[in-house]
C-alpha atoms as a PDB file:
ATOM      1  CA  MET A   1      10.633 -11.888  -3.014  1.00  0.00           C
ATOM      2  CA  ARG A   2      11.026 -15.380  -1.631  1.00  0.00           C
ATOM      3  CA  ASP A   3      14.285 -15.844  -3.521  1.00  0.00           C
ATOM      4  CA  ALA A   4      15.535 -12.421  -2.387  1.00  0.00           C
ATOM      5  CA  PHE A   5      14.821 -13.484   1.210  1.00  0.00           C
ATOM      6  CA  TYR A   6      16.959 -16.577   0.590  1.00  0.00           C
ATOM      7  CA  GLY A   7      19.869 -14.394  -0.497  1.00  0.00           C
ATOM      8  CA  LEU A   8      19.595 -14.098  -4.277  1.00  0.00           C
ATOM      9  CA  THR A   9      20.468 -10.619  -5.535  1.00  0.00           C
ATOM     10  CA  ARG A  10      21.407 -10.932  -9.219  1.00  0.00           C
ATOM     11  CA  PHE A  11      19.107 -11.005 -12.231  1.00  0.00           C
ATOM     12  CA  ASP A  12      20.662 -14.225 -13.557  1.00  0.00           C
ATOM     13  CA  GLN A  13      20.211 -15.909 -10.162  1.00  0.00           C
ATOM     14  CA  PHE A  14      16.520 -15.016 -10.119  1.00  0.00           C
ATOM     15  CA  GLN A  15      16.088 -16.170 -13.701  1.00  0.00           C
ATOM     16  CA  HIS A  16      17.758 -19.523 -13.034  1.00  0.00           C
ATOM     17  CA  SER A  17      15.772 -20.095  -9.846  1.00  0.00           C
ATOM     18  CA  LEU A  18      12.387 -19.013 -11.232  1.00  0.00           C
ATOM     19  CA  GLY A  19      12.784 -20.286 -14.803  1.00  0.00           C
ATOM     20  CA  MET A  20      10.995 -17.341 -16.386  1.00  0.00           C
ATOM     21  CA  SER A  21      11.812 -15.330 -19.484  1.00  0.00           C
ATOM     22  CA  ARG A  22      14.036 -12.260 -19.188  1.00  0.00           C
ATOM     23  CA  ASN A  23      11.288  -9.834 -20.218  1.00  0.00           C
ATOM     24  CA  VAL A  24       8.788 -11.203 -17.681  1.00  0.00           C
ATOM     25  CA  LEU A  25      11.404 -11.184 -14.915  1.00  0.00           C
ATOM     26  CA  THR A  26      12.438  -7.626 -15.834  1.00  0.00           C
ATOM     27  CA  ARG A  27       8.833  -6.435 -15.534  1.00  0.00           C
ATOM     28  CA  ARG A  28       8.352  -8.195 -12.207  1.00  0.00           C
ATOM     29  CA  LEU A  29      11.589  -6.911 -10.702  1.00  0.00           C
ATOM     30  CA  ASN A  30      10.831  -3.386 -11.898  1.00  0.00           C
ATOM     31  CA  SER A  31       7.402  -3.587 -10.286  1.00  0.00           C
ATOM     32  CA  ILE A  32       8.844  -4.841  -6.999  1.00  0.00           C
ATOM     33  CA  VAL A  33      11.454  -2.065  -7.039  1.00  0.00           C
ATOM     34  CA  GLU A  34       8.755   0.558  -7.782  1.00  0.00           C
ATOM     35  CA  THR A  35       6.709  -0.779  -4.871  1.00  0.00           C
ATOM     36  CA  GLY A  36       9.695  -0.332  -2.565  1.00  0.00           C
ATOM     37  CA  LEU A  37      10.316  -3.948  -1.530  1.00  0.00           C
ATOM     38  CA  LEU A  38      13.669  -4.131  -3.358  1.00  0.00           C
ATOM     39  CA  GLU A  39      16.186  -1.503  -4.426  1.00  0.00           C
ATOM     40  CA  ARG A  40      18.576  -1.716  -7.362  1.00  0.00           C
ATOM     41  CA  ARG A  41      22.287  -1.100  -6.718  1.00  0.00           C
ATOM     42  CA  LYS A  42      24.683  -0.941  -9.647  1.00  0.00           C
ATOM     43  CA  TYR A  43      27.633  -3.274  -9.324  1.00  0.00           C
ATOM     44  CA  GLN A  44      28.948  -3.040 -12.906  1.00  0.00           C
ATOM     45  CA  ASP A  45      29.063  -0.230 -15.479  1.00  0.00           C
ATOM     46  CA  ARG A  46      29.636  -2.029 -18.804  1.00  0.00           C
ATOM     47  CA  PRO A  47      27.261  -3.568 -19.303  1.00  0.00           C
ATOM     48  CA  GLU A  48      25.161  -2.057 -16.526  1.00  0.00           C
ATOM     49  CA  ARG A  49      24.284  -4.707 -13.974  1.00  0.00           C
ATOM     50  CA  TYR A  50      22.457  -4.408 -10.696  1.00  0.00           C
ATOM     51  CA  ASP A  51      21.999  -6.215  -7.430  1.00  0.00           C
ATOM     52  CA  TYR A  52      18.440  -6.329  -6.094  1.00  0.00           C
ATOM     53  CA  ILE A  53      18.616  -5.639  -2.361  1.00  0.00           C
ATOM     54  CA  VAL A  54      15.778  -6.190   0.120  1.00  0.00           C
ATOM     55  CA  THR A  55      14.696  -2.863   1.655  1.00  0.00           C
ATOM     56  CA  ASP A  56      13.325  -2.258   5.163  1.00  0.00           C
ATOM     57  CA  MET A  57       9.845  -2.467   3.622  1.00  0.00           C
ATOM     58  CA  GLY A  58      10.814  -5.779   2.025  1.00  0.00           C
ATOM     59  CA  ARG A  59      12.168  -7.165   5.293  1.00  0.00           C
ATOM     60  CA  ASP A  60       8.840  -6.318   6.927  1.00  0.00           C
ATOM     61  CA  TYR A  61       7.036  -8.095   4.068  1.00  0.00           C
ATOM     62  CA  TRP A  62       8.966 -11.246   5.007  1.00  0.00           C
ATOM     63  CA  LYS A  63       6.441 -11.708   7.822  1.00  0.00           C
ATOM     64  CA  VAL A  64       3.632 -11.937   5.272  1.00  0.00           C
ATOM     65  CA  VAL A  65       5.532 -14.444   3.118  1.00  0.00           C
ATOM     66  CA  THR A  66       6.360 -16.703   6.060  1.00  0.00           C
ATOM     67  CA  ALA A  67       2.750 -16.572   7.288  1.00  0.00           C
ATOM     68  CA  MET A  68       1.578 -17.715   3.849  1.00  0.00           C
ATOM     69  CA  ALA A  69       4.228 -20.451   3.846  1.00  0.00           C
ATOM     70  CA  THR A  70       3.039 -21.689   7.244  1.00  0.00           C
ATOM     71  CA  TRP A  71      -0.543 -21.839   5.933  1.00  0.00           C
ATOM     72  CA  SER A  72       0.643 -23.677   2.827  1.00  0.00           C
ATOM     73  CA  ASP A  73       2.621 -26.161   4.936  1.00  0.00           C
ATOM     74  CA  VAL A  74      -0.531 -27.039   6.900  1.00  0.00           C
ATOM     75  CA  TRP A  75      -2.993 -27.209   4.022  1.00  0.00           C
ATOM     76  CA  LEU A  76      -1.022 -27.992   0.858  1.00  0.00           C
ATOM     77  CA  SER A  77       2.088 -29.994   1.827  1.00  0.00           C
ATOM     78  CA  GLY A  78       2.368 -33.512   0.524  1.00  0.00           C
ATOM     79  CA  PRO A  79       2.988 -36.628   2.591  1.00  0.00           C
ATOM     80  CA  ASP A  80       6.724 -35.895   2.794  1.00  0.00           C
ATOM     81  CA  GLY A  81       6.080 -32.642   4.666  1.00  0.00           C
ATOM     82  CA  PRO A  82       6.833 -28.997   3.916  1.00  0.00           C
ATOM     83  CA  PRO A  83       9.344 -28.174   1.188  1.00  0.00           C
ATOM     84  CA  ILE A  84      11.198 -25.616   3.353  1.00  0.00           C
ATOM     85  CA  VAL A  85      11.603 -25.551   7.125  1.00  0.00           C
ATOM     86  CA  LEU A  86      12.355 -22.318   8.991  1.00  0.00           C
ATOM     87  CA  HIS A  87      15.044 -22.587  11.656  1.00  0.00           C
ATOM     88  CA  HIS A  88      15.286 -19.956  14.390  1.00  0.00           C
ATOM     89  CA  ASP A  89      19.028 -19.524  14.854  1.00  0.00           C
ATOM     90  CA  THR A  90      18.630 -17.680  18.176  1.00  0.00           C
ATOM     91  CA  CYS A  91      17.042 -20.634  20.009  1.00  0.00           C
ATOM     92  CA  ASP A  92      18.299 -23.323  17.589  1.00  0.00           C
ATOM     93  CA  HIS A  93      14.841 -24.806  16.889  1.00  0.00           C
ATOM     94  CA  ASN A  94      12.734 -25.261  13.778  1.00  0.00           C
ATOM     95  CA  THR A  95       9.741 -22.951  13.823  1.00  0.00           C
ATOM     96  CA  THR A  96       6.636 -21.717  12.035  1.00  0.00           C
ATOM     97  CA  THR A  97       5.059 -18.286  11.860  1.00  0.00           C
ATOM     98  CA  ARG A  98       2.299 -17.372  14.298  1.00  0.00           C
ATOM     99  CA  VAL A  99       0.197 -14.237  14.362  1.00  0.00           C
ATOM    100  CA  VAL A 100      -0.023 -13.081  17.964  1.00  0.00           C
ATOM    101  CA  CYS A 101      -1.477 -10.115  19.817  1.00  0.00           C
ATOM    102  CA  ALA A 102       1.192  -7.449  20.245  1.00  0.00           C
ATOM    103  CA  ASN A 103      -0.036  -6.831  23.822  1.00  0.00           C
ATOM    104  CA  CYS A 104      -0.645 -10.247  25.388  1.00  0.00           C
ATOM    105  CA  ASN A 105       1.297 -12.507  22.983  1.00  0.00           C
ATOM    106  CA  ILE A 106      -1.705 -14.859  22.585  1.00  0.00           C
ATOM    107  CA  GLU A 107      -2.218 -16.298  19.112  1.00  0.00           C
ATOM    108  CA  LEU A 108      -4.875 -14.387  17.165  1.00  0.00           C
ATOM    109  CA  LYS A 109      -7.859 -16.290  15.796  1.00  0.00           C
ATOM    110  CA  LEU A 110     -10.464 -14.853  13.452  1.00  0.00           C
ATOM    111  CA  GLU A 111     -13.309 -15.413  15.915  1.00  0.00           C
ATOM    112  CA  ASP A 112     -11.479 -13.504  18.663  1.00  0.00           C
ATOM    113  CA  VAL A 113     -10.791 -10.293  16.733  1.00  0.00           C
ATOM    114  CA  SER A 114     -13.063  -7.397  15.774  1.00  0.00           C
ATOM    115  CA  ALA A 115     -12.348  -4.390  13.600  1.00  0.00           C
ATOM    116  CA  THR A 116     -12.938  -0.668  13.987  1.00  0.00           C
ATOM    117  CA  LEU A 117     -12.505   2.071  11.433  1.00  0.00           C
ATOM    118  CA  GLY A 118      -9.124   3.683  11.854  1.00  0.00           C
ATOM    119  CA  PRO A 119      -8.186   7.321  11.429  1.00  0.00           C
ATOM    120  CA  GLY A 120      -6.939   6.674   7.903  1.00  0.00           C
ATOM    121  CA  TYR A 121     -10.242   5.265   6.648  1.00  0.00           C
ATOM    122  CA  PRO A 122     -11.518   7.557   3.849  1.00  0.00           C
ATOM    123  CA  ASP A 123     -14.225   9.957   5.061  1.00  0.00           C
ATOM    124  CA  LYS A 124     -16.286   9.490   1.894  1.00  0.00           C
ATOM    125  CA  LEU A 125     -16.587   5.738   2.597  1.00  0.00           C
ATOM    126  CA  ARG A 126     -17.274   5.865   6.361  1.00  0.00           C
ATOM    127  CA  SER A 127     -21.087   5.977   6.100  1.00  0.00           C
ATOM    128  CA  ALA A 128     -21.233   2.906   3.888  1.00  0.00           C
ATOM    129  CA  ALA A 129     -18.755   1.038   6.101  1.00  0.00           C
ATOM    130  CA  LYS A 130     -20.723   1.856   9.257  1.00  0.00           C
ATOM    131  CA  ALA A 131     -23.944   0.691   7.606  1.00  0.00           C
ATOM    132  CA  THR A 132     -22.541  -2.831   7.192  1.00  0.00           C
ATOM    133  CA  GLY A 133     -22.609  -3.342  10.972  1.00  0.00           C
ATOM    134  CA  PHE A 134     -19.267  -5.138  10.680  1.00  0.00           C
ATOM    135  CA  PHE A 135     -17.137  -2.528  12.415  1.00  0.00           C
ATOM    136  CA  ARG A 136     -17.273  -2.474  16.199  1.00  0.00           C
ATOM    137  CA  GLY A 137     -17.572   0.829  18.027  1.00  0.00           C
ATOM    138  CA  THR A 138     -18.406   3.041  15.069  1.00  0.00           C
ATOM    139  CA  ASP A 139     -20.855   5.929  15.409  1.00  0.00           C
END
C-alpha cells in the first residue's frame, strides 16, 4: 500500500520496488484488492495487464500508514533521521501525523481516552466485555 500511495500502479513497478517474487506479489495484490484497498483496472488486453488503483477505502487507510510511519520515525529511525519526510503542500511545511480529537482538535493520548461498547458490538459478547470493567458507562 505504501508504494501505491507513492504513485506506483503497475505490477512490474511494485515488483521492482519491493523485490519480491511474482507469485508472492500476485497473492498480496489479490488480497489487497479483495479487501477493497485497491482496485484492478485493465489497461491492456494481450497480454492482460492491470493498473492497481487506490480506492476510497485505501485513501482512508493512508491515515493508518502515516501514523505508523510517524511512530517508526520517533522510535526506529537511525541517526540520520527518518527515511521519508511528509510535506504538506497546502501550507508548504514538513509534517508528521497526529491523532487528534475530532471535536476539540487536541492530540489524543492513551491516558486521556476511555472506551464504551458501541452499537455494533456483538450482543453475545457484551456480558463478557462488561465483566472486564474496562468499558466506561456500560450497564
